[in-house]
């Protein structure tokens, strides 16, 4: 092998490097999607029909991943809604267990009935949305200021 051929990188090595660099950036993209980039991780900017009100259990909550909303329902039938964009790094929250939301990016936990932070690194509660039931359907929207 000549010195010129040993200093060249192979096509396979170059492709591996490109693949690693490309996938390394995916974590950053996922965690910043809600912070103003593509809008893929944005909370509702207008009214959103979430479906049947009866789908939210009394004393429980339901996560609407595609809409980035969680809705809870008290035992006396009152509904509350919150954005599921994590207040720590803007990641969309994708896990609900009981009434506890967990952010996949850094592990922040929130109470789905109050929006309060249960576990850091987040320190700011979730953004509350307005919610109403019309014709048996849940409608969530940004809170009126």
C-alpha atoms as a PDB file:
ATOM      1  CA  UNK A   1       0.000   0.000   0.000  1.00  0.00           C
ATOM      2  CA  UNK A   2       1.398   3.407  -0.889  1.00  0.00           C
ATOM      3  CA  UNK A   3       1.383   6.303   1.550  1.00  0.00           C
ATOM      4  CA  UNK A   4      -1.207   8.163  -0.538  1.00  0.00           C
ATOM      5  CA  UNK A   5      -3.688   5.296  -0.381  1.00  0.00           C
ATOM      6  CA  UNK A   6      -3.198   4.778   3.370  1.00  0.00           C
ATOM      7  CA  UNK A   7      -4.019   8.402   4.115  1.00  0.00           C
ATOM      8  CA  UNK A   8      -7.363   8.200   2.291  1.00  0.00           C
ATOM      9  CA  UNK A   9     -10.421   7.155   4.212  1.00  0.00           C
ATOM     10  CA  UNK A  10     -12.543   4.418   2.787  1.00  0.00           C
ATOM     11  CA  UNK A  11     -16.046   5.052   1.516  1.00  0.00           C
ATOM     12  CA  UNK A  12     -17.390   2.823   4.296  1.00  0.00           C
ATOM     13  CA  UNK A  13     -15.616   4.842   6.992  1.00  0.00           C
ATOM     14  CA  UNK A  14     -16.907   8.110   5.572  1.00  0.00           C
ATOM     15  CA  UNK A  15     -20.484   6.797   5.444  1.00  0.00           C
ATOM     16  CA  UNK A  16     -20.256   5.497   9.010  1.00  0.00           C
ATOM     17  CA  UNK A  17     -19.046   8.885  10.181  1.00  0.00           C
ATOM     18  CA  UNK A  18     -21.880  10.641   8.383  1.00  0.00           C
ATOM     19  CA  UNK A  19     -24.440   8.243   9.884  1.00  0.00           C
ATOM     20  CA  UNK A  20     -23.122   8.762  13.415  1.00  0.00           C
ATOM     21  CA  UNK A  21     -23.074  12.545  13.010  1.00  0.00           C
ATOM     22  CA  UNK A  22     -26.613  12.513  11.627  1.00  0.00           C
ATOM     23  CA  UNK A  23     -28.066  10.389  14.406  1.00  0.00           C
ATOM     24  CA  UNK A  24     -26.159  12.261  17.112  1.00  0.00           C
ATOM     25  CA  UNK A  25     -28.143  15.356  16.186  1.00  0.00           C
ATOM     26  CA  UNK A  26     -31.497  13.584  16.498  1.00  0.00           C
ATOM     27  CA  UNK A  27     -31.548  13.875  20.289  1.00  0.00           C
ATOM     28  CA  UNK A  28     -30.981  17.605  20.077  1.00  0.00           C
ATOM     29  CA  UNK A  29     -33.695  17.955  17.449  1.00  0.00           C
ATOM     30  CA  UNK A  30     -36.181  15.983  19.552  1.00  0.00           C
ATOM     31  CA  UNK A  31     -35.529  18.103  22.620  1.00  0.00           C
ATOM     32  CA  UNK A  32     -35.799  21.411  20.838  1.00  0.00           C
ATOM     33  CA  UNK A  33     -38.764  20.692  18.589  1.00  0.00           C
ATOM     34  CA  UNK A  34     -41.144  22.574  20.858  1.00  0.00           C
ATOM     35  CA  UNK A  35     -38.956  25.591  21.342  1.00  0.00           C
ATOM     36  CA  UNK A  36     -39.850  27.366  18.173  1.00  0.00           C
ATOM     37  CA  UNK A  37     -38.194  25.259  15.488  1.00  0.00           C
ATOM     38  CA  UNK A  38     -40.467  23.353  13.141  1.00  0.00           C
ATOM     39  CA  UNK A  39     -43.635  23.655  15.208  1.00  0.00           C
ATOM     40  CA  UNK A  40     -43.799  19.854  15.456  1.00  0.00           C
ATOM     41  CA  UNK A  41     -43.803  20.170  19.229  1.00  0.00           C
ATOM     42  CA  UNK A  42     -46.131  23.145  19.624  1.00  0.00           C
ATOM     43  CA  UNK A  43     -49.056  23.513  21.985  1.00  0.00           C
ATOM     44  CA  UNK A  44     -52.416  24.416  20.423  1.00  0.00           C
ATOM     45  CA  UNK A  45     -52.610  27.936  19.029  1.00  0.00           C
ATOM     46  CA  UNK A  46     -56.372  27.773  18.513  1.00  0.00           C
ATOM     47  CA  UNK A  47     -59.348  25.630  19.537  1.00  0.00           C
ATOM     48  CA  UNK A  48     -58.769  21.882  19.169  1.00  0.00           C
ATOM     49  CA  UNK A  49     -61.514  19.217  19.189  1.00  0.00           C
ATOM     50  CA  UNK A  50     -60.101  16.363  21.276  1.00  0.00           C
ATOM     51  CA  UNK A  51     -63.033  13.984  20.911  1.00  0.00           C
ATOM     52  CA  UNK A  52     -65.506  12.476  23.331  1.00  0.00           C
ATOM     53  CA  UNK A  53     -65.517  13.931  26.843  1.00  0.00           C
ATOM     54  CA  UNK A  54     -66.418  10.521  28.261  1.00  0.00           C
ATOM     55  CA  UNK A  55     -62.975   9.209  27.174  1.00  0.00           C
ATOM     56  CA  UNK A  56     -61.366  11.106  30.080  1.00  0.00           C
ATOM     57  CA  UNK A  57     -61.893   8.979  33.204  1.00  0.00           C
ATOM     58  CA  UNK A  58     -63.317  10.538  36.383  1.00  0.00           C
ATOM     59  CA  UNK A  59     -60.392  11.197  38.720  1.00  0.00           C
ATOM     60  CA  UNK A  60     -57.963  10.555  35.865  1.00  0.00           C
ATOM     61  CA  UNK A  61     -56.425  12.064  32.785  1.00  0.00           C
ATOM     62  CA  UNK A  62     -55.951  11.408  29.084  1.00  0.00           C
ATOM     63  CA  UNK A  63     -52.934  12.380  26.984  1.00  0.00           C
ATOM     64  CA  UNK A  64     -53.531  13.627  23.447  1.00  0.00           C
ATOM     65  CA  UNK A  65     -50.027  13.210  22.016  1.00  0.00           C
ATOM     66  CA  UNK A  66     -50.700  14.576  18.536  1.00  0.00           C
ATOM     67  CA  UNK A  67     -52.275  17.747  19.921  1.00  0.00           C
ATOM     68  CA  UNK A  68     -49.734  18.150  22.797  1.00  0.00           C
ATOM     69  CA  UNK A  69     -52.512  18.360  25.390  1.00  0.00           C
ATOM     70  CA  UNK A  70     -53.445  16.485  28.547  1.00  0.00           C
ATOM     71  CA  UNK A  71     -56.969  16.698  29.945  1.00  0.00           C
ATOM     72  CA  UNK A  72     -57.923  15.681  33.471  1.00  0.00           C
ATOM     73  CA  UNK A  73     -61.362  15.240  34.976  1.00  0.00           C
ATOM     74  CA  UNK A  74     -62.236  15.558  38.635  1.00  0.00           C
ATOM     75  CA  UNK A  75     -64.661  13.192  40.323  1.00  0.00           C
ATOM     76  CA  UNK A  76     -67.293  15.957  40.234  1.00  0.00           C
ATOM     77  CA  UNK A  77     -66.949  16.312  36.451  1.00  0.00           C
ATOM     78  CA  UNK A  78     -64.706  19.390  36.131  1.00  0.00           C
ATOM     79  CA  UNK A  79     -62.158  19.322  33.288  1.00  0.00           C
ATOM     80  CA  UNK A  80     -58.701  20.923  33.188  1.00  0.00           C
ATOM     81  CA  UNK A  81     -56.264  20.969  30.281  1.00  0.00           C
ATOM     82  CA  UNK A  82     -52.539  21.651  30.015  1.00  0.00           C
ATOM     83  CA  UNK A  83     -50.002  21.900  27.233  1.00  0.00           C
ATOM     84  CA  UNK A  84     -47.703  18.881  27.206  1.00  0.00           C
ATOM     85  CA  UNK A  85     -44.701  20.809  25.996  1.00  0.00           C
ATOM     86  CA  UNK A  86     -42.154  20.437  28.792  1.00  0.00           C
ATOM     87  CA  UNK A  87     -41.228  23.728  30.413  1.00  0.00           C
ATOM     88  CA  UNK A  88     -37.620  22.597  30.873  1.00  0.00           C
ATOM     89  CA  UNK A  89     -36.387  22.193  27.279  1.00  0.00           C
ATOM     90  CA  UNK A  90     -39.494  22.324  25.096  1.00  0.00           C
ATOM     91  CA  UNK A  91     -39.769  18.592  24.454  1.00  0.00           C
ATOM     92  CA  UNK A  92     -43.212  17.107  23.773  1.00  0.00           C
ATOM     93  CA  UNK A  93     -44.223  14.965  26.761  1.00  0.00           C
ATOM     94  CA  UNK A  94     -45.201  11.507  25.601  1.00  0.00           C
ATOM     95  CA  UNK A  95     -45.891   9.459  28.708  1.00  0.00           C
ATOM     96  CA  UNK A  96     -48.839   9.480  31.118  1.00  0.00           C
ATOM     97  CA  UNK A  97     -49.170   6.968  33.949  1.00  0.00           C
ATOM     98  CA  UNK A  98     -52.236   7.555  36.096  1.00  0.00           C
ATOM     99  CA  UNK A  99     -52.126  11.319  36.485  1.00  0.00           C
ATOM    100  CA  UNK A 100     -48.340  11.667  36.247  1.00  0.00           C
ATOM    101  CA  UNK A 101     -46.748  12.973  33.053  1.00  0.00           C
ATOM    102  CA  UNK A 102     -43.101  12.193  32.326  1.00  0.00           C
ATOM    103  CA  UNK A 103     -40.959  14.000  29.771  1.00  0.00           C
ATOM    104  CA  UNK A 104     -38.936  11.572  27.680  1.00  0.00           C
ATOM    105  CA  UNK A 105     -36.019  13.983  27.186  1.00  0.00           C
ATOM    106  CA  UNK A 106     -34.784  14.675  30.720  1.00  0.00           C
ATOM    107  CA  UNK A 107     -37.237  12.966  33.079  1.00  0.00           C
ATOM    108  CA  UNK A 108     -39.203  15.956  34.384  1.00  0.00           C
ATOM    109  CA  UNK A 109     -42.510  14.875  35.920  1.00  0.00           C
ATOM    110  CA  UNK A 110     -45.742  16.850  36.140  1.00  0.00           C
ATOM    111  CA  UNK A 111     -49.141  16.383  37.779  1.00  0.00           C
ATOM    112  CA  UNK A 112     -51.700  16.130  34.948  1.00  0.00           C
ATOM    113  CA  UNK A 113     -54.470  17.467  37.224  1.00  0.00           C
ATOM    114  CA  UNK A 114     -52.677  20.669  38.297  1.00  0.00           C
ATOM    115  CA  UNK A 115     -49.764  21.109  35.874  1.00  0.00           C
ATOM    116  CA  UNK A 116     -47.375  21.341  38.839  1.00  0.00           C
ATOM    117  CA  UNK A 117     -43.817  20.054  38.636  1.00  0.00           C
ATOM    118  CA  UNK A 118     -43.342  16.804  40.570  1.00  0.00           C
ATOM    119  CA  UNK A 119     -39.702  16.148  39.613  1.00  0.00           C
ATOM    120  CA  UNK A 120     -36.966  18.349  38.159  1.00  0.00           C
ATOM    121  CA  UNK A 121     -35.156  19.410  36.040  1.00  0.00           C
ATOM    122  CA  UNK A 122     -38.285  21.424  35.128  1.00  0.00           C
ATOM    123  CA  UNK A 123     -39.112  24.144  37.660  1.00  0.00           C
ATOM    124  CA  UNK A 124     -42.041  25.857  35.914  1.00  0.00           C
ATOM    125  CA  UNK A 125     -45.534  24.282  35.797  1.00  0.00           C
ATOM    126  CA  UNK A 126     -47.172  23.300  32.515  1.00  0.00           C
ATOM    127  CA  UNK A 127     -49.138  25.972  30.671  1.00  0.00           C
ATOM    128  CA  UNK A 128     -52.847  25.722  31.448  1.00  0.00           C
ATOM    129  CA  UNK A 129     -55.253  25.772  28.519  1.00  0.00           C
ATOM    130  CA  UNK A 130     -58.917  26.654  28.488  1.00  0.00           C
ATOM    131  CA  UNK A 131     -61.167  23.625  28.150  1.00  0.00           C
ATOM    132  CA  UNK A 132     -64.907  23.183  27.654  1.00  0.00           C
ATOM    133  CA  UNK A 133     -67.302  20.451  26.722  1.00  0.00           C
ATOM    134  CA  UNK A 134     -69.668  21.177  23.831  1.00  0.00           C
ATOM    135  CA  UNK A 135     -72.051  18.543  22.522  1.00  0.00           C
ATOM    136  CA  UNK A 136     -70.181  15.843  24.448  1.00  0.00           C
ATOM    137  CA  UNK A 137     -66.828  16.830  22.858  1.00  0.00           C
ATOM    138  CA  UNK A 138     -63.785  18.329  24.594  1.00  0.00           C
ATOM    139  CA  UNK A 139     -62.516  21.570  23.104  1.00  0.00           C
ATOM    140  CA  UNK A 140     -59.148  22.874  24.332  1.00  0.00           C
ATOM    141  CA  UNK A 141     -57.602  26.206  23.393  1.00  0.00           C
ATOM    142  CA  UNK A 142     -54.967  28.639  24.622  1.00  0.00           C
ATOM    143  CA  UNK A 143     -56.112  30.337  27.819  1.00  0.00           C
ATOM    144  CA  UNK A 144     -57.618  33.785  27.408  1.00  0.00           C
ATOM    145  CA  UNK A 145     -55.391  36.494  28.852  1.00  0.00           C
END
